[in-house]
C-alpha atoms as a PDB file:
ATOM      1  CA  MET A   1     -37.759  -5.123 -22.072  1.00  0.00           C
ATOM      2  CA  ASP A   2     -34.306  -6.859 -23.806  1.00  0.00           C
ATOM      3  CA  PRO A   3     -33.810 -10.083 -22.180  1.00  0.00           C
ATOM      4  CA  ALA A   4     -30.098  -8.535 -21.338  1.00  0.00           C
ATOM      5  CA  ASP A   5     -31.785  -5.687 -19.251  1.00  0.00           C
ATOM      6  CA  ARG A   6     -34.199  -7.700 -17.190  1.00  0.00           C
ATOM      7  CA  PRO A   7     -34.066  -7.543 -13.794  1.00  0.00           C
ATOM      8  CA  LYS A   8     -31.316  -9.898 -12.318  1.00  0.00           C
ATOM      9  CA  THR A   9     -31.483 -10.046  -8.663  1.00  0.00           C
ATOM     10  CA  SER A  10     -34.329  -9.923  -6.198  1.00  0.00           C
ATOM     11  CA  TYR A  11     -33.598  -6.440  -5.393  1.00  0.00           C
ATOM     12  CA  GLU A  12     -33.798  -5.139  -9.108  1.00  0.00           C
ATOM     13  CA  LEU A  13     -36.911  -7.219  -9.162  1.00  0.00           C
ATOM     14  CA  PHE A  14     -38.206  -5.051  -6.254  1.00  0.00           C
ATOM     15  CA  LEU A  15     -37.269  -1.817  -7.890  1.00  0.00           C
ATOM     16  CA  ALA A  16     -39.113  -2.597 -11.077  1.00  0.00           C
ATOM     17  CA  LEU A  17     -42.091  -3.729  -9.139  1.00  0.00           C
ATOM     18  CA  VAL A  18     -42.158  -0.468  -6.926  1.00  0.00           C
ATOM     19  CA  GLU A  19     -41.620   1.336 -10.716  1.00  0.00           C
ATOM     20  CA  GLN A  20     -44.905  -0.250 -11.680  1.00  0.00           C
ATOM     21  CA  TYR A  21     -46.395   0.055  -8.378  1.00  0.00           C
ATOM     22  CA  ARG A  22     -46.130   3.902  -8.879  1.00  0.00           C
ATOM     23  CA  MET A  23     -47.775   4.215 -12.214  1.00  0.00           C
ATOM     24  CA  GLY A  24     -51.444   4.078 -10.634  1.00  0.00           C
ATOM     25  CA  PRO A  25     -54.000   2.241  -8.734  1.00  0.00           C
ATOM     26  CA  SER A  26     -54.353  -0.956 -11.580  1.00  0.00           C
ATOM     27  CA  HIS A  27     -50.692  -1.076 -11.527  1.00  0.00           C
ATOM     28  CA  ALA A  28     -50.617  -0.709  -7.826  1.00  0.00           C
ATOM     29  CA  ALA A  29     -53.310  -3.650  -7.672  1.00  0.00           C
ATOM     30  CA  LEU A  30     -51.460  -6.031  -9.696  1.00  0.00           C
ATOM     31  CA  VAL A  31     -48.407  -5.582  -7.899  1.00  0.00           C
ATOM     32  CA  THR A  32     -50.264  -6.188  -4.496  1.00  0.00           C
ATOM     33  CA  LEU A  33     -51.675  -9.029  -6.129  1.00  0.00           C
ATOM     34  CA  LEU A  34     -48.230 -10.455  -7.085  1.00  0.00           C
ATOM     35  CA  LEU A  35     -46.731  -9.872  -3.661  1.00  0.00           C
ATOM     36  CA  ARG A  36     -49.255 -11.547  -1.888  1.00  0.00           C
ATOM     37  CA  MET A  37     -49.402 -14.931  -4.380  1.00  0.00           C
ATOM     38  CA  THR A  38     -45.119 -14.761  -4.213  1.00  0.00           C
ATOM     39  CA  THR A  39     -45.842 -14.912  -0.252  1.00  0.00           C
ATOM     40  CA  GLU A  40     -48.679 -17.718  -0.225  1.00  0.00           C
ATOM     41  CA  LEU A  41     -46.277 -19.679  -2.520  1.00  0.00           C
ATOM     42  CA  GLU A  42     -43.442 -18.949  -0.633  1.00  0.00           C
ATOM     43  CA  ALA A  43     -45.226 -20.403   2.407  1.00  0.00           C
ATOM     44  CA  LEU A  44     -46.249 -23.314   0.460  1.00  0.00           C
ATOM     45  CA  ARG A  45     -42.932 -24.157  -0.732  1.00  0.00           C
ATOM     46  CA  GLU A  46     -41.266 -23.947   3.040  1.00  0.00           C
ATOM     47  CA  ALA A  47     -43.952 -25.925   4.090  1.00  0.00           C
ATOM     48  CA  LEU A  48     -43.245 -28.640   1.230  1.00  0.00           C
ATOM     49  CA  SER A  49     -39.781 -28.622   2.147  1.00  0.00           C
ATOM     50  CA  SER A  50     -39.930 -29.328   5.682  1.00  0.00           C
ATOM     51  CA  PRO A  51     -38.579 -32.188   7.210  1.00  0.00           C
ATOM     52  CA  GLU A  52     -41.740 -32.420   9.144  1.00  0.00           C
ATOM     53  CA  THR A  53     -43.777 -32.909   5.748  1.00  0.00           C
ATOM     54  CA  PRO A  54     -44.036 -36.514   4.844  1.00  0.00           C
ATOM     55  CA  GLU A  55     -41.453 -37.735   2.674  1.00  0.00           C
ATOM     56  CA  SER A  56     -44.316 -38.711   0.257  1.00  0.00           C
ATOM     57  CA  VAL A  57     -45.525 -35.689  -0.021  1.00  0.00           C
ATOM     58  CA  ARG A  58     -42.040 -34.005  -0.313  1.00  0.00           C
ATOM     59  CA  GLU A  59     -41.030 -36.286  -2.977  1.00  0.00           C
ATOM     60  CA  ALA A  60     -44.266 -35.563  -5.098  1.00  0.00           C
ATOM     61  CA  TYR A  61     -43.313 -32.290  -4.763  1.00  0.00           C
ATOM     62  CA  ARG A  62     -39.934 -32.686  -5.978  1.00  0.00           C
ATOM     63  CA  LYS A  63     -41.122 -34.419  -8.766  1.00  0.00           C
ATOM     64  CA  ALA A  64     -43.569 -31.993  -9.749  1.00  0.00           C
ATOM     65  CA  TYR A  65     -41.285 -29.142  -9.408  1.00  0.00           C
ATOM     66  CA  GLU A  66     -38.717 -30.775 -11.649  1.00  0.00           C
ATOM     67  CA  ARG A  67     -41.239 -31.232 -14.082  1.00  0.00           C
ATOM     68  CA  THR A  68     -42.537 -27.684 -14.067  1.00  0.00           C
ATOM     69  CA  ALA A  69     -38.738 -26.621 -14.112  1.00  0.00           C
ATOM     70  CA  VAL A  70     -38.075 -28.137 -17.166  1.00  0.00           C
ATOM     71  CA  LEU A  71     -41.168 -27.184 -18.573  1.00  0.00           C
ATOM     72  CA  SER A  72     -40.400 -23.513 -18.073  1.00  0.00           C
ATOM     73  CA  HIS A  73     -37.156 -24.007 -20.280  1.00  0.00           C
ATOM     74  CA  ASN A  74     -38.840 -25.789 -22.802  1.00  0.00           C
ATOM     75  CA  SER A  75     -38.993 -23.480 -26.048  1.00  0.00           C
ATOM     76  CA  ALA A  76     -39.612 -25.985 -28.430  1.00  0.00           C
ATOM     77  CA  GLY A  77     -42.628 -25.131 -31.088  1.00  0.00           C
ATOM     78  CA  PRO A  78     -44.328 -21.583 -31.337  1.00  0.00           C
ATOM     79  CA  THR A  79     -43.873 -20.399 -27.575  1.00  0.00           C
ATOM     80  CA  GLY A  80     -41.424 -20.475 -24.939  1.00  0.00           C
ATOM     81  CA  GLY A  81     -41.793 -22.170 -21.473  1.00  0.00           C
ATOM     82  CA  ALA A  82     -43.089 -19.214 -19.790  1.00  0.00           C
ATOM     83  CA  GLU A  83     -46.417 -19.578 -22.045  1.00  0.00           C
ATOM     84  CA  LYS A  84     -46.192 -23.577 -21.467  1.00  0.00           C
ATOM     85  CA  ILE A  85     -46.477 -22.661 -17.770  1.00  0.00           C
ATOM     86  CA  LEU A  86     -49.560 -20.059 -18.314  1.00  0.00           C
ATOM     87  CA  ARG A  87     -50.870 -22.763 -20.279  1.00  0.00           C
ATOM     88  CA  THR A  88     -51.847 -24.613 -17.134  1.00  0.00           C
ATOM     89  CA  PHE A  89     -53.808 -21.815 -15.910  1.00  0.00           C
ATOM     90  CA  PHE A  90     -55.205 -20.657 -19.024  1.00  0.00           C
ATOM     91  CA  PRO A  91     -56.568 -22.562 -22.034  1.00  0.00           C
ATOM     92  CA  TRP A  92     -53.985 -22.706 -25.319  1.00  0.00           C
ATOM     93  CA  GLU A  93     -57.427 -22.107 -27.268  1.00  0.00           C
ATOM     94  CA  GLY A  94     -60.202 -19.926 -26.136  1.00  0.00           C
ATOM     95  CA  ARG A  95     -63.010 -22.159 -24.504  1.00  0.00           C
ATOM     96  CA  ASP A  96     -66.489 -21.322 -24.645  1.00  0.00           C
ATOM     97  CA  ASP A  97     -66.661 -23.068 -20.898  1.00  0.00           C
ATOM     98  CA  ARG A  98     -66.312 -20.168 -18.019  1.00  0.00           C
ATOM     99  CA  PHE A  99     -65.437 -22.815 -15.809  1.00  0.00           C
ATOM    100  CA  ALA A 100     -62.615 -24.799 -17.714  1.00  0.00           C
ATOM    101  CA  PRO A 101     -59.658 -23.457 -15.341  1.00  0.00           C
ATOM    102  CA  GLU A 102     -61.224 -24.746 -12.206  1.00  0.00           C
ATOM    103  CA  LEU A 103     -62.733 -27.972 -13.862  1.00  0.00           C
ATOM    104  CA  GLU A 104     -58.966 -28.841 -15.234  1.00  0.00           C
ATOM    105  CA  MET A 105     -57.700 -27.996 -12.113  1.00  0.00           C
ATOM    106  CA  MET A 106     -60.087 -30.696 -10.243  1.00  0.00           C
ATOM    107  CA  LYS A 107     -59.538 -33.430 -13.203  1.00  0.00           C
ATOM    108  CA  ARG A 108     -55.516 -32.799 -12.508  1.00  0.00           C
ATOM    109  CA  LEU A 109     -56.454 -33.325  -8.622  1.00  0.00           C
ATOM    110  CA  GLY A 110     -58.367 -36.508  -9.125  1.00  0.00           C
ATOM    111  CA  ALA A 111     -61.629 -35.417  -9.117  1.00  0.00           C
ATOM    112  CA  THR A 112     -64.060 -37.918 -10.796  1.00  0.00           C
ATOM    113  CA  PRO A 113     -66.503 -36.188 -13.789  1.00  0.00           C
ATOM    114  CA  GLU A 114     -69.502 -36.400 -10.926  1.00  0.00           C
ATOM    115  CA  GLU A 115     -67.329 -34.452  -8.467  1.00  0.00           C
ATOM    116  CA  GLN A 116     -66.431 -31.800 -11.650  1.00  0.00           C
ATOM    117  CA  GLU A 117     -70.435 -31.678 -12.002  1.00  0.00           C
ATOM    118  CA  ALA A 118     -70.727 -30.958  -8.561  1.00  0.00           C
ATOM    119  CA  LEU A 119     -68.532 -28.148  -8.668  1.00  0.00           C
ATOM    120  CA  ARG A 120     -69.819 -26.708 -11.668  1.00  0.00           C
ATOM    121  CA  ASP A 121     -73.581 -26.742 -10.088  1.00  0.00           C
ATOM    122  CA  LYS A 122     -72.341 -24.921  -6.897  1.00  0.00           C
ATOM    123  CA  MET A 123     -70.249 -22.386  -8.982  1.00  0.00           C
ATOM    124  CA  GLU A 124     -73.348 -21.696 -11.105  1.00  0.00           C
ATOM    125  CA  GLU A 125     -75.513 -21.311  -8.023  1.00  0.00           C
ATOM    126  CA  VAL A 126     -73.132 -18.879  -6.364  1.00  0.00           C
ATOM    127  CA  GLU A 127     -72.651 -16.826  -9.468  1.00  0.00           C
ATOM    128  CA  MET A 128     -76.614 -16.088  -9.011  1.00  0.00           C
ATOM    129  CA  TYR A 129     -76.198 -14.660  -5.320  1.00  0.00           C
ATOM    130  CA  THR A 130     -77.272 -11.006  -5.244  1.00  0.00           C
END
């Protein structure tokens, strides 16, 4: 899709999602997932922007949002901003550690190495459930 042809309004984006949804079950599953994630994200954004939310939390979110918004427009280097955002969920280079995304997030949240290892142990344990 040429950037000039990309959906520019919520309604145009919605129509594009409907088109994808109608392409078959796997497309419908992805669209459903995207819509549910968007709903959850909007609920989080609404809660974080509420005057009832402590100002320190709102300020932390504002700063994080500002950093992420700037990053999303950063085209320096071999990739654009969108890839840089995706990199926060998926590694730049392949990793052998299947738990890397979860452990990286725990690290971002301030988990100690011991807490990260405890999480790894729990994830490995539940993988064995039948």
